[in-house]
Amino acid sequence: MPTKDELTADINAMAVEVTEALTSLKNDEDVDLVNIEPRVRAAMDSVGDLAPDEAVEMRPLLVSLLEKMEEFSLVLQGKIDEINAEEANEPSEEKDEND
């Protein structure tokens, strides 16, 4: 079982990864967060194994990570919507050019 300090370091590292991924996403660069979900789940499970007073101290870190992940999700959904809109416009543009 990880210690509070180890969990703190891991959660902070994940927050940095998500922040870096968000920056890359905003710059239309490739992003790789494939393994983040199992790591977040493991950290959350480990926080549950801490003494109650230590677990409570972890809350701000977890909230911050969640907020970063939510922001990433919103930006990602926006990018997906942009791609879908572009794809939806392509056939009509090609048709107009051929007329």
PDB file of N, CA and C in Angstrom:
ATOM      1  N   MET A   1       0.840  -1.171   0.000  1.00  0.00           N
ATOM      2  CA  MET A   1       0.000   0.000   0.000  1.00  0.00           C
ATOM      3  C   MET A   1       0.895   1.247   0.000  1.00  0.00           C
ATOM      4  N   PRO A   2       0.636   2.185  -0.951  1.00  0.00           N
ATOM      5  CA  PRO A   2       1.454   3.399  -1.008  1.00  0.00           C
ATOM      6  C   PRO A   2       1.231   4.291   0.214  1.00  0.00           C
ATOM      7  N   THR A   3       2.254   5.025   0.547  1.00  0.00           N
ATOM      8  CA  THR A   3       2.140   5.984   1.648  1.00  0.00           C
ATOM      9  C   THR A   3       1.447   7.245   1.134  1.00  0.00           C
ATOM     10  N   LYS A   4       1.085   8.102   2.067  1.00  0.00           N
ATOM     11  CA  LYS A   4       0.458   9.376   1.705  1.00  0.00           C
ATOM     12  C   LYS A   4       1.400  10.186   0.812  1.00  0.00           C
ATOM     13  N   ASP A   5       2.663  10.218   1.140  1.00  0.00           N
ATOM     14  CA  ASP A   5       3.638  10.963   0.342  1.00  0.00           C
ATOM     15  C   ASP A   5       3.767  10.397  -1.070  1.00  0.00           C
ATOM     16  N   GLU A   6       3.769   9.076  -1.182  1.00  0.00           N
ATOM     17  CA  GLU A   6       3.843   8.442  -2.509  1.00  0.00           C
ATOM     18  C   GLU A   6       2.587   8.752  -3.326  1.00  0.00           C
ATOM     19  N   LEU A   7       1.428   8.710  -2.682  1.00  0.00           N
ATOM     20  CA  LEU A   7       0.182   9.038  -3.373  1.00  0.00           C
ATOM     21  C   LEU A   7       0.163  10.498  -3.806  1.00  0.00           C
ATOM     22  N   THR A   8       0.628  11.361  -2.928  1.00  0.00           N
ATOM     23  CA  THR A   8       0.694  12.784  -3.260  1.00  0.00           C
ATOM     24  C   THR A   8       1.561  12.994  -4.493  1.00  0.00           C
ATOM     25  N   ALA A   9       2.708  12.361  -4.528  1.00  0.00           N
ATOM     26  CA  ALA A   9       3.614  12.482  -5.672  1.00  0.00           C
ATOM     27  C   ALA A   9       2.966  11.939  -6.944  1.00  0.00           C
ATOM     28  N   ASP A  10       2.285  10.807  -6.835  1.00  0.00           N
ATOM     29  CA  ASP A  10       1.648  10.206  -8.007  1.00  0.00           C
ATOM     30  C   ASP A  10       0.501  11.068  -8.521  1.00  0.00           C
ATOM     31  N   ILE A  11      -0.321  11.582  -7.620  1.00  0.00           N
ATOM     32  CA  ILE A  11      -1.444  12.427  -8.033  1.00  0.00           C
ATOM     33  C   ILE A  11      -0.923  13.716  -8.661  1.00  0.00           C
ATOM     34  N   ASN A  12       0.109  14.297  -8.062  1.00  0.00           N
ATOM     35  CA  ASN A  12       0.714  15.501  -8.651  1.00  0.00           C
ATOM     36  C   ASN A  12       1.296  15.207 -10.031  1.00  0.00           C
ATOM     37  N   ALA A  13       1.920  14.056 -10.194  1.00  0.00           N
ATOM     38  CA  ALA A  13       2.484  13.677 -11.500  1.00  0.00           C
ATOM     39  C   ALA A  13       1.378  13.525 -12.540  1.00  0.00           C
ATOM     40  N   MET A  14       0.264  12.918 -12.148  1.00  0.00           N
ATOM     41  CA  MET A  14      -0.856  12.775 -13.083  1.00  0.00           C
ATOM     42  C   MET A  14      -1.431  14.140 -13.448  1.00  0.00           C
ATOM     43  N   ALA A  15      -1.496  15.049 -12.480  1.00  0.00           N
ATOM     44  CA  ALA A  15      -2.000  16.397 -12.751  1.00  0.00           C
ATOM     45  C   ALA A  15      -1.103  17.106 -13.766  1.00  0.00           C
ATOM     46  N   VAL A  16       0.196  16.934 -13.624  1.00  0.00           N
ATOM     47  CA  VAL A  16       1.142  17.528 -14.580  1.00  0.00           C
ATOM     48  C   VAL A  16       0.927  16.912 -15.964  1.00  0.00           C
ATOM     49  N   GLU A  17       0.769  15.605 -16.034  1.00  0.00           N
ATOM     50  CA  GLU A  17       0.536  14.935 -17.325  1.00  0.00           C
ATOM     51  C   GLU A  17      -0.720  15.467 -18.002  1.00  0.00           C
ATOM     52  N   VAL A  18      -1.793  15.610 -17.231  1.00  0.00           N
ATOM     53  CA  VAL A  18      -3.051  16.099 -17.802  1.00  0.00           C
ATOM     54  C   VAL A  18      -2.880  17.547 -18.263  1.00  0.00           C
ATOM     55  N   THR A  19      -2.192  18.356 -17.483  1.00  0.00           N
ATOM     56  CA  THR A  19      -1.956  19.750 -17.865  1.00  0.00           C
ATOM     57  C   THR A  19      -1.142  19.829 -19.151  1.00  0.00           C
ATOM     58  N   GLU A  20      -0.108  19.014 -19.248  1.00  0.00           N
ATOM     59  CA  GLU A  20       0.714  18.988 -20.468  1.00  0.00           C
ATOM     60  C   GLU A  20      -0.104  18.484 -21.660  1.00  0.00           C
ATOM     61  N   ALA A  21      -0.931  17.489 -21.429  1.00  0.00           N
ATOM     62  CA  ALA A  21      -1.778  16.961 -22.500  1.00  0.00           C
ATOM     63  C   ALA A  21      -2.783  18.015 -22.958  1.00  0.00           C
ATOM     64  N   LEU A  22      -3.312  18.779 -22.020  1.00  0.00           N
ATOM     65  CA  LEU A  22      -4.254  19.844 -22.354  1.00  0.00           C
ATOM     66  C   LEU A  22      -3.576  20.902 -23.219  1.00  0.00           C
ATOM     67  N   THR A  23      -2.377  21.270 -22.862  1.00  0.00           N
ATOM     68  CA  THR A  23      -1.624  22.241 -23.664  1.00  0.00           C
ATOM     69  C   THR A  23      -1.388  21.703 -25.071  1.00  0.00           C
ATOM     70  N   SER A  24      -0.990  20.444 -25.165  1.00  0.00           N
ATOM     71  CA  SER A  24      -0.771  19.832 -26.474  1.00  0.00           C
ATOM     72  C   SER A  24      -2.054  19.790 -27.287  1.00  0.00           C
ATOM     73  N   LEU A  25      -3.141  19.422 -26.641  1.00  0.00           N
ATOM     74  CA  LEU A  25      -4.431  19.340 -27.327  1.00  0.00           C
ATOM     75  C   LEU A  25      -4.840  20.705 -27.866  1.00  0.00           C
ATOM     76  N   LYS A  26      -4.673  21.730 -27.051  1.00  0.00           N
ATOM     77  CA  LYS A  26      -5.018  23.085 -27.490  1.00  0.00           C
ATOM     78  C   LYS A  26      -4.155  23.530 -28.664  1.00  0.00           C
ATOM     79  N   ASN A  27      -2.946  22.979 -28.779  1.00  0.00           N
ATOM     80  CA  ASN A  27      -2.039  23.300 -29.879  1.00  0.00           C
ATOM     81  C   ASN A  27      -2.174  22.328 -31.041  1.00  0.00           C
ATOM     82  N   ASP A  28      -3.237  21.525 -31.008  1.00  0.00           N
ATOM     83  CA  ASP A  28      -3.505  20.534 -32.068  1.00  0.00           C
ATOM     84  C   ASP A  28      -2.377  19.526 -32.232  1.00  0.00           C
ATOM     85  N   GLU A  29      -1.739  19.178 -31.119  1.00  0.00           N
ATOM     86  CA  GLU A  29      -0.687  18.170 -31.127  1.00  0.00           C
ATOM     87  C   GLU A  29      -1.245  16.845 -30.605  1.00  0.00           C
ATOM     88  N   ASP A  30      -0.562  15.761 -30.914  1.00  0.00           N
ATOM     89  CA  ASP A  30      -0.976  14.444 -30.439  1.00  0.00           C
ATOM     90  C   ASP A  30      -0.882  14.375 -28.919  1.00  0.00           C
ATOM     91  N   VAL A  31      -1.821  13.640 -28.349  1.00  0.00           N
ATOM     92  CA  VAL A  31      -1.898  13.486 -26.894  1.00  0.00           C
ATOM     93  C   VAL A  31      -2.017  12.007 -26.572  1.00  0.00           C
ATOM     94  N   ASP A  32      -1.305  11.575 -25.528  1.00  0.00           N
ATOM     95  CA  ASP A  32      -1.367  10.177 -25.109  1.00  0.00           C
ATOM     96  C   ASP A  32      -1.621  10.103 -23.606  1.00  0.00           C
ATOM     97  N   LEU A  33      -2.876   9.876 -23.252  1.00  0.00           N
ATOM     98  CA  LEU A  33      -3.246   9.674 -21.846  1.00  0.00           C
ATOM     99  C   LEU A  33      -3.871   8.293 -21.665  1.00  0.00           C
ATOM    100  N   VAL A  34      -3.474   7.363 -22.486  1.00  0.00           N
ATOM    101  CA  VAL A  34      -4.076   6.036 -22.505  1.00  0.00           C
ATOM    102  C   VAL A  34      -4.055   5.362 -21.137  1.00  0.00           C
ATOM    103  N   ASN A  35      -2.974   5.456 -20.418  1.00  0.00           N
ATOM    104  CA  ASN A  35      -2.845   4.734 -19.151  1.00  0.00           C
ATOM    105  C   ASN A  35      -3.259   5.544 -17.926  1.00  0.00           C
ATOM    106  N   ILE A  36      -3.846   6.711 -18.112  1.00  0.00           N
ATOM    107  CA  ILE A  36      -4.151   7.552 -16.959  1.00  0.00           C
ATOM    108  C   ILE A  36      -5.332   7.004 -16.149  1.00  0.00           C
ATOM    109  N   GLU A  37      -6.331   6.454 -16.809  1.00  0.00           N
ATOM    110  CA  GLU A  37      -7.526   5.997 -16.083  1.00  0.00           C
ATOM    111  C   GLU A  37      -7.212   4.932 -15.030  1.00  0.00           C
ATOM    112  N   PRO A  38      -6.488   3.867 -15.364  1.00  0.00           N
ATOM    113  CA  PRO A  38      -6.189   2.888 -14.321  1.00  0.00           C
ATOM    114  C   PRO A  38      -5.323   3.457 -13.195  1.00  0.00           C
ATOM    115  N   ARG A  39      -4.466   4.413 -13.526  1.00  0.00           N
ATOM    116  CA  ARG A  39      -3.647   5.037 -12.496  1.00  0.00           C
ATOM    117  C   ARG A  39      -4.494   5.885 -11.546  1.00  0.00           C
ATOM    118  N   VAL A  40      -5.457   6.605 -12.109  1.00  0.00           N
ATOM    119  CA  VAL A  40      -6.353   7.407 -11.260  1.00  0.00           C
ATOM    120  C   VAL A  40      -7.167   6.487 -10.369  1.00  0.00           C
ATOM    121  N   ARG A  41      -7.685   5.419 -10.938  1.00  0.00           N
ATOM    122  CA  ARG A  41      -8.476   4.463 -10.139  1.00  0.00           C
ATOM    123  C   ARG A  41      -7.632   3.871  -9.006  1.00  0.00           C
ATOM    124  N   ALA A  42      -6.408   3.512  -9.315  1.00  0.00           N
ATOM    125  CA  ALA A  42      -5.530   2.930  -8.294  1.00  0.00           C
ATOM    126  C   ALA A  42      -5.235   3.946  -7.193  1.00  0.00           C
ATOM    127  N   ALA A  43      -5.014   5.189  -7.575  1.00  0.00           N
ATOM    128  CA  ALA A  43      -4.752   6.228  -6.574  1.00  0.00           C
ATOM    129  C   ALA A  43      -5.973   6.442  -5.698  1.00  0.00           C
ATOM    130  N   MET A  44      -7.144   6.480  -6.308  1.00  0.00           N
ATOM    131  CA  MET A  44      -8.378   6.674  -5.533  1.00  0.00           C
ATOM    132  C   MET A  44      -8.586   5.511  -4.562  1.00  0.00           C
ATOM    133  N   ASP A  45      -8.344   4.304  -5.034  1.00  0.00           N
ATOM    134  CA  ASP A  45      -8.470   3.140  -4.153  1.00  0.00           C
ATOM    135  C   ASP A  45      -7.479   3.225  -3.001  1.00  0.00           C
ATOM    136  N   SER A  46      -6.267   3.653  -3.304  1.00  0.00           N
ATOM    137  CA  SER A  46      -5.237   3.760  -2.271  1.00  0.00           C
ATOM    138  C   SER A  46      -5.558   4.852  -1.253  1.00  0.00           C
ATOM    139  N   VAL A  47      -6.149   5.941  -1.721  1.00  0.00           N
ATOM    140  CA  VAL A  47      -6.557   7.000  -0.793  1.00  0.00           C
ATOM    141  C   VAL A  47      -7.585   6.441   0.180  1.00  0.00           C
ATOM    142  N   GLY A  48      -8.459   5.584  -0.312  1.00  0.00           N
ATOM    143  CA  GLY A  48      -9.456   4.952   0.549  1.00  0.00           C
ATOM    144  C   GLY A  48      -8.846   4.065   1.615  1.00  0.00           C
ATOM    145  N   ASP A  49      -7.626   3.608   1.385  1.00  0.00           N
ATOM    146  CA  ASP A  49      -6.944   2.743   2.346  1.00  0.00           C
ATOM    147  C   ASP A  49      -6.168   3.537   3.408  1.00  0.00           C
ATOM    148  N   LEU A  50      -6.030   4.842   3.206  1.00  0.00           N
ATOM    149  CA  LEU A  50      -5.310   5.668   4.178  1.00  0.00           C
ATOM    150  C   LEU A  50      -6.140   5.861   5.445  1.00  0.00           C
ATOM    151  N   ALA A  51      -5.464   6.284   6.492  1.00  0.00           N
ATOM    152  CA  ALA A  51      -6.175   6.678   7.718  1.00  0.00           C
ATOM    153  C   ALA A  51      -7.094   7.841   7.367  1.00  0.00           C
ATOM    154  N   PRO A  52      -8.246   7.937   8.000  1.00  0.00           N
ATOM    155  CA  PRO A  52      -9.215   8.983   7.644  1.00  0.00           C
ATOM    156  C   PRO A  52      -8.634  10.402   7.620  1.00  0.00           C
ATOM    157  N   ASP A  53      -7.814  10.752   8.596  1.00  0.00           N
ATOM    158  CA  ASP A  53      -7.255  12.107   8.609  1.00  0.00           C
ATOM    159  C   ASP A  53      -6.307  12.340   7.431  1.00  0.00           C
ATOM    160  N   GLU A  54      -5.570  11.316   7.020  1.00  0.00           N
ATOM    161  CA  GLU A  54      -4.688  11.439   5.854  1.00  0.00           C
ATOM    162  C   GLU A  54      -5.501  11.493   4.568  1.00  0.00           C
ATOM    163  N   ALA A  55      -6.549  10.690   4.494  1.00  0.00           N
ATOM    164  CA  ALA A  55      -7.396  10.666   3.300  1.00  0.00           C
ATOM    165  C   ALA A  55      -8.031  12.036   3.071  1.00  0.00           C
ATOM    166  N   VAL A  56      -8.484  12.668   4.139  1.00  0.00           N
ATOM    167  CA  VAL A  56      -9.095  13.994   4.027  1.00  0.00           C
ATOM    168  C   VAL A  56      -8.091  15.004   3.482  1.00  0.00           C
ATOM    169  N   GLU A  57      -6.853  14.873   3.862  1.00  0.00           N
ATOM    170  CA  GLU A  57      -5.811  15.781   3.383  1.00  0.00           C
ATOM    171  C   GLU A  57      -5.568  15.630   1.878  1.00  0.00           C
ATOM    172  N   MET A  58      -5.934  14.496   1.328  1.00  0.00           N
ATOM    173  CA  MET A  58      -5.724  14.242  -0.096  1.00  0.00           C
ATOM    174  C   MET A  58      -6.815  14.883  -0.965  1.00  0.00           C
ATOM    175  N   ARG A  59      -7.906  15.254  -0.355  1.00  0.00           N
ATOM    176  CA  ARG A  59      -9.055  15.767  -1.106  1.00  0.00           C
ATOM    177  C   ARG A  59      -8.701  16.921  -2.049  1.00  0.00           C
ATOM    178  N   PRO A  60      -7.997  17.967  -1.602  1.00  0.00           N
ATOM    179  CA  PRO A  60      -7.687  19.066  -2.534  1.00  0.00           C
ATOM    180  C   PRO A  60      -6.903  18.617  -3.766  1.00  0.00           C
ATOM    181  N   LEU A  61      -5.997  17.675  -3.588  1.00  0.00           N
ATOM    182  CA  LEU A  61      -5.238  17.163  -4.734  1.00  0.00           C
ATOM    183  C   LEU A  61      -6.144  16.434  -5.716  1.00  0.00           C
ATOM    184  N   LEU A  62      -7.046  15.625  -5.177  1.00  0.00           N
ATOM    185  CA  LEU A  62      -7.968  14.877  -6.031  1.00  0.00           C
ATOM    186  C   LEU A  62      -8.940  15.808  -6.749  1.00  0.00           C
ATOM    187  N   VAL A  63      -9.411  16.817  -6.046  1.00  0.00           N
ATOM    188  CA  VAL A  63     -10.318  17.787  -6.668  1.00  0.00           C
ATOM    189  C   VAL A  63      -9.598  18.522  -7.790  1.00  0.00           C
ATOM    190  N   SER A  64      -8.366  18.934  -7.554  1.00  0.00           N
ATOM    191  CA  SER A  64      -7.589  19.623  -8.576  1.00  0.00           C
ATOM    192  C   SER A  64      -7.385  18.734  -9.805  1.00  0.00           C
ATOM    193  N   LEU A  65      -7.038  17.471  -9.573  1.00  0.00           N
ATOM    194  CA  LEU A  65      -6.867  16.533 -10.686  1.00  0.00           C
ATOM    195  C   LEU A  65      -8.166  16.371 -11.451  1.00  0.00           C
ATOM    196  N   LEU A  66      -9.261  16.232 -10.747  1.00  0.00           N
ATOM    197  CA  LEU A  66     -10.568  16.089 -11.392  1.00  0.00           C
ATOM    198  C   LEU A  66     -10.892  17.317 -12.239  1.00  0.00           C
ATOM    199  N   GLU A  67     -10.630  18.490 -11.723  1.00  0.00           N
ATOM    200  CA  GLU A  67     -10.899  19.712 -12.476  1.00  0.00           C
ATOM    201  C   GLU A  67     -10.064  19.770 -13.750  1.00  0.00           C
ATOM    202  N   LYS A  68      -8.815  19.370 -13.665  1.00  0.00           N
ATOM    203  CA  LYS A  68      -7.950  19.351 -14.846  1.00  0.00           C
ATOM    204  C   LYS A  68      -8.470  18.340 -15.873  1.00  0.00           C
ATOM    205  N   MET A  69      -8.918  17.196 -15.388  1.00  0.00           N
ATOM    206  CA  MET A  69      -9.436  16.174 -16.294  1.00  0.00           C
ATOM    207  C   MET A  69     -10.746  16.632 -16.943  1.00  0.00           C
ATOM    208  N   GLU A  70     -11.568  17.331 -16.186  1.00  0.00           N
ATOM    209  CA  GLU A  70     -12.817  17.861 -16.748  1.00  0.00           C
ATOM    210  C   GLU A  70     -12.525  18.900 -17.824  1.00  0.00           C
ATOM    211  N   GLU A  71     -11.562  19.775 -17.568  1.00  0.00           N
ATOM    212  CA  GLU A  71     -11.190  20.774 -18.574  1.00  0.00           C
ATOM    213  C   GLU A  71     -10.659  20.083 -19.831  1.00  0.00           C
ATOM    214  N   PHE A  72      -9.821  19.073 -19.634  1.00  0.00           N
ATOM    215  CA  PHE A  72      -9.300  18.314 -20.773  1.00  0.00           C
ATOM    216  C   PHE A  72     -10.451  17.702 -21.568  1.00  0.00           C
ATOM    217  N   SER A  73     -11.397  17.125 -20.866  1.00  0.00           N
ATOM    218  CA  SER A  73     -12.546  16.488 -21.512  1.00  0.00           C
ATOM    219  C   SER A  73     -13.348  17.487 -22.336  1.00  0.00           C
ATOM    220  N   LEU A  74     -13.573  18.675 -21.789  1.00  0.00           N
ATOM    221  CA  LEU A  74     -14.329  19.705 -22.504  1.00  0.00           C
ATOM    222  C   LEU A  74     -13.595  20.163 -23.763  1.00  0.00           C
ATOM    223  N   VAL A  75     -12.293  20.373 -23.647  1.00  0.00           N
ATOM    224  CA  VAL A  75     -11.511  20.797 -24.811  1.00  0.00           C
ATOM    225  C   VAL A  75     -11.489  19.681 -25.853  1.00  0.00           C
ATOM    226  N   LEU A  76     -11.332  18.448 -25.405  1.00  0.00           N
ATOM    227  CA  LEU A  76     -11.335  17.314 -26.327  1.00  0.00           C
ATOM    228  C   LEU A  76     -12.671  17.212 -27.054  1.00  0.00           C
ATOM    229  N   GLN A  77     -13.770  17.362 -26.334  1.00  0.00           N
ATOM    230  CA  GLN A  77     -15.085  17.301 -26.966  1.00  0.00           C
ATOM    231  C   GLN A  77     -15.235  18.424 -27.983  1.00  0.00           C
ATOM    232  N   GLY A  78     -14.710  19.596 -27.670  1.00  0.00           N
ATOM    233  CA  GLY A  78     -14.740  20.705 -28.624  1.00  0.00           C
ATOM    234  C   GLY A  78     -13.977  20.377 -29.894  1.00  0.00           C
ATOM    235  N   LYS A  79     -12.816  19.754 -29.740  1.00  0.00           N
ATOM    236  CA  LYS A  79     -12.018  19.354 -30.909  1.00  0.00           C
ATOM    237  C   LYS A  79     -12.766  18.311 -31.743  1.00  0.00           C
ATOM    238  N   ILE A  80     -13.407  17.357 -31.068  1.00  0.00           N
ATOM    239  CA  ILE A  80     -14.183  16.332 -31.772  1.00  0.00           C
ATOM    240  C   ILE A  80     -15.330  16.977 -32.537  1.00  0.00           C
ATOM    241  N   ASP A  81     -16.009  17.932 -31.891  1.00  0.00           N
ATOM    242  CA  ASP A  81     -17.103  18.636 -32.555  1.00  0.00           C
ATOM    243  C   ASP A  81     -16.611  19.398 -33.786  1.00  0.00           C
ATOM    244  N   GLU A  82     -15.441  20.031 -33.683  1.00  0.00           N
ATOM    245  CA  GLU A  82     -14.861  20.737 -34.825  1.00  0.00           C
ATOM    246  C   GLU A  82     -14.597  19.783 -35.983  1.00  0.00           C
ATOM    247  N   ILE A  83     -14.020  18.629 -35.678  1.00  0.00           N
ATOM    248  CA  ILE A  83     -13.718  17.639 -36.721  1.00  0.00           C
ATOM    249  C   ILE A  83     -15.005  17.150 -37.364  1.00  0.00           C
ATOM    250  N   ASN A  84     -16.006  16.855 -36.541  1.00  0.00           N
ATOM    251  CA  ASN A  84     -17.285  16.393 -37.086  1.00  0.00           C
ATOM    252  C   ASN A  84     -17.926  17.454 -37.965  1.00  0.00           C
ATOM    253  N   ALA A  85     -17.846  18.722 -37.573  1.00  0.00           N
ATOM    254  CA  ALA A  85     -18.416  19.806 -38.372  1.00  0.00           C
ATOM    255  C   ALA A  85     -17.675  19.932 -39.701  1.00  0.00           C
ATOM    256  N   GLU A  86     -16.351  19.816 -39.661  1.00  0.00           N
ATOM    257  CA  GLU A  86     -15.567  19.885 -40.890  1.00  0.00           C
ATOM    258  C   GLU A  86     -15.925  18.745 -41.826  1.00  0.00           C
ATOM    259  N   GLU A  87     -16.071  17.539 -41.275  1.00  0.00           N
ATOM    260  CA  GLU A  87     -16.424  16.380 -42.094  1.00  0.00           C
ATOM    261  C   GLU A  87     -17.825  16.520 -42.667  1.00  0.00           C
ATOM    262  N   ALA A  88     -18.726  17.093 -41.913  1.00  0.00           N
ATOM    263  CA  ALA A  88     -20.096  17.292 -42.391  1.00  0.00           C
ATOM    264  C   ALA A  88     -20.139  18.307 -43.523  1.00  0.00           C
ATOM    265  N   ASN A  89     -19.229  19.274 -43.513  1.00  0.00           N
ATOM    266  CA  ASN A  89     -19.198  20.306 -44.556  1.00  0.00           C
ATOM    267  C   ASN A  89     -18.469  19.866 -45.808  1.00  0.00           C
ATOM    268  N   GLU A  90     -17.596  18.891 -45.722  1.00  0.00           N
ATOM    269  CA  GLU A  90     -16.792  18.474 -46.873  1.00  0.00           C
ATOM    270  C   GLU A  90     -17.623  17.999 -48.059  1.00  0.00           C
ATOM    271  N   PRO A  91     -18.584  17.097 -47.887  1.00  0.00           N
ATOM    272  CA  PRO A  91     -19.331  16.625 -49.070  1.00  0.00           C
ATOM    273  C   PRO A  91     -20.063  17.759 -49.786  1.00  0.00           C
ATOM    274  N   SER A  92     -20.658  18.693 -49.071  1.00  0.00           N
ATOM    275  CA  SER A  92     -21.387  19.768 -49.730  1.00  0.00           C
ATOM    276  C   SER A  92     -20.430  20.705 -50.454  1.00  0.00           C
ATOM    277  N   GLU A  93     -19.241  20.925 -49.913  1.00  0.00           N
ATOM    278  CA  GLU A  93     -18.257  21.757 -50.587  1.00  0.00           C
ATOM    279  C   GLU A  93     -17.780  21.098 -51.872  1.00  0.00           C
ATOM    280  N   GLU A  94     -17.553  19.791 -51.829  1.00  0.00           N
ATOM    281  CA  GLU A  94     -17.116  19.076 -53.026  1.00  0.00           C
ATOM    282  C   GLU A  94     -18.215  19.097 -54.087  1.00  0.00           C
ATOM    283  N   LYS A  95     -19.454  18.947 -53.654  1.00  0.00           N
ATOM    284  CA  LYS A  95     -20.585  18.958 -54.579  1.00  0.00           C
ATOM    285  C   LYS A  95     -20.689  20.318 -55.249  1.00  0.00           C
ATOM    286  N   ASP A  96     -20.536  21.401 -54.468  1.00  0.00           N
ATOM    287  CA  ASP A  96     -20.602  22.743 -55.028  1.00  0.00           C
ATOM    288  C   ASP A  96     -19.514  22.979 -56.059  1.00  0.00           C
ATOM    289  N   GLU A  97     -18.325  22.438 -55.808  1.00  0.00           N
ATOM    290  CA  GLU A  97     -17.213  22.618 -56.737  1.00  0.00           C
ATOM    291  C   GLU A  97     -17.455  21.861 -58.038  1.00  0.00           C
ATOM    292  N   ASN A  98     -18.160  20.740 -57.979  1.00  0.00           N
ATOM    293  CA  ASN A  98     -18.387  19.920 -59.164  1.00  0.00           C
ATOM    294  C   ASN A  98     -19.567  20.408 -59.978  1.00  0.00           C
ATOM    295  N   ASP A  99     -20.383  21.288 -59.449  1.00  0.00           N
ATOM    296  CA  ASP A  99     -21.566  21.787 -60.195  1.00  0.00           C
ATOM    297  C   ASP A  99     -21.231  22.844 -61.179  1.00  0.00           C
TER     298      ASP A  99
END
